[in-house]
Amino acid sequence: MDDLLQAGGIGLLNAVERYDSMQGAAFTTYAVQRIRGSMLDELRSRDWAPRSVRRNAREVTQIHSSVRAGSRTTTIRTGSC
């Protein structure tokens, strides 16, 4: 938890340094996105699985749930990972 708070603090500091009022966004809008992004980056850096593996797992779970529910409209997406 402390690491996430620190990552959020770093995101806030980055927002203060990089904010440009000429871009038209309110500081709070900009800062929230930077803080959230820093915290997500921290979580991702600690995850053993790449994002593609997590996405594929969600899709498999969704398909499995549809099949169990008896859905006939299950669509399986194919393509590159």
Protein backbone atom coordinates (compact mmCIF):
# COMPACT_ATOMS: atom_id res chain seq x y z
CA MET A 1 0.00 0.00 0.00
CA ASP A 2 2.83 2.40 0.83
CA ASP A 3 4.36 1.76 -2.60
CA LEU A 4 1.10 2.76 -4.28
CA LEU A 5 0.90 5.94 -2.23
CA GLN A 6 4.48 6.77 -3.17
CA ALA A 7 3.73 6.10 -6.83
CA GLY A 8 0.73 8.43 -6.57
CA GLY A 9 2.90 11.09 -5.00
CA ILE A 10 5.41 10.77 -7.81
CA GLY A 11 2.56 11.09 -10.30
CA LEU A 12 1.42 14.28 -8.58
CA LEU A 13 4.93 15.73 -8.69
CA ASN A 14 5.17 14.86 -12.38
CA ALA A 15 1.82 16.55 -12.97
CA VAL A 16 3.03 19.72 -11.24
CA GLU A 17 6.20 19.75 -13.36
CA ARG A 18 4.54 18.98 -16.70
CA TYR A 19 1.20 20.80 -16.45
CA ASP A 20 0.63 23.37 -19.17
CA SER A 21 -2.41 25.57 -18.63
CA MET A 22 -2.26 26.60 -22.30
CA GLN A 23 -3.48 23.11 -23.23
CA GLY A 24 -6.91 23.99 -21.83
CA ALA A 25 -7.32 21.21 -19.26
CA ALA A 26 -7.93 21.92 -15.58
CA PHE A 27 -5.01 20.98 -13.34
CA THR A 28 -7.10 18.53 -11.32
CA THR A 29 -8.20 16.71 -14.48
CA TYR A 30 -4.60 16.43 -15.64
CA ALA A 31 -3.24 15.50 -12.21
CA VAL A 32 -5.78 12.73 -11.60
CA GLN A 33 -4.77 11.06 -14.86
CA ARG A 34 -1.05 11.32 -14.04
CA ILE A 35 -1.54 9.99 -10.50
CA ARG A 36 -3.72 7.11 -11.68
CA GLY A 37 -1.23 6.28 -14.44
CA SER A 38 1.69 6.21 -12.00
CA MET A 39 -0.20 3.90 -9.66
CA LEU A 40 -1.19 1.56 -12.50
CA ASP A 41 2.41 1.49 -13.72
CA GLU A 42 3.50 0.46 -10.22
CA LEU A 43 0.95 -2.35 -10.12
CA ARG A 44 1.91 -3.55 -13.60
CA SER A 45 5.60 -3.59 -12.70
CA ARG A 46 4.83 -6.07 -9.92
CA ASP A 47 2.65 -8.36 -12.05
CA TRP A 48 4.28 -11.51 -13.43
CA ALA A 49 1.93 -11.78 -16.40
CA PRO A 50 1.94 -9.49 -19.42
CA ARG A 51 -1.24 -7.57 -20.22
CA SER A 52 -1.97 -9.84 -23.18
CA VAL A 53 -2.11 -12.86 -20.87
CA ARG A 54 -4.55 -11.06 -18.55
CA ARG A 55 -6.71 -10.03 -21.53
CA ASN A 56 -6.77 -13.59 -22.87
CA ALA A 57 -7.71 -14.95 -19.44
CA ARG A 58 -10.64 -12.50 -19.23
CA GLU A 59 -11.83 -13.58 -22.68
CA VAL A 60 -11.63 -17.28 -21.78
CA THR A 61 -13.58 -16.63 -18.58
CA GLN A 62 -16.21 -14.69 -20.50
CA ILE A 63 -16.58 -17.45 -23.11
CA HIS A 64 -16.75 -20.09 -20.38
CA SER A 65 -19.51 -18.14 -18.60
CA SER A 66 -21.46 -17.79 -21.84
CA VAL A 67 -21.20 -21.51 -22.57
CA ARG A 68 -22.30 -22.41 -19.04
CA ALA A 69 -25.28 -20.07 -19.37
CA GLY A 70 -26.29 -21.80 -22.58
CA SER A 71 -25.68 -18.81 -24.78
CA ARG A 72 -25.82 -19.57 -28.49
CA THR A 73 -24.35 -16.24 -29.51
CA THR A 74 -20.85 -16.82 -28.17
CA THR A 75 -18.30 -15.28 -30.51
CA ILE A 76 -14.71 -16.38 -30.42
CA ARG A 77 -12.32 -13.69 -31.59
CA THR A 78 -9.23 -14.92 -33.36
CA GLY A 79 -6.17 -12.97 -34.26
CA SER A 80 -2.71 -12.13 -33.11
CA CYS A 81 -1.90 -11.70 -29.43
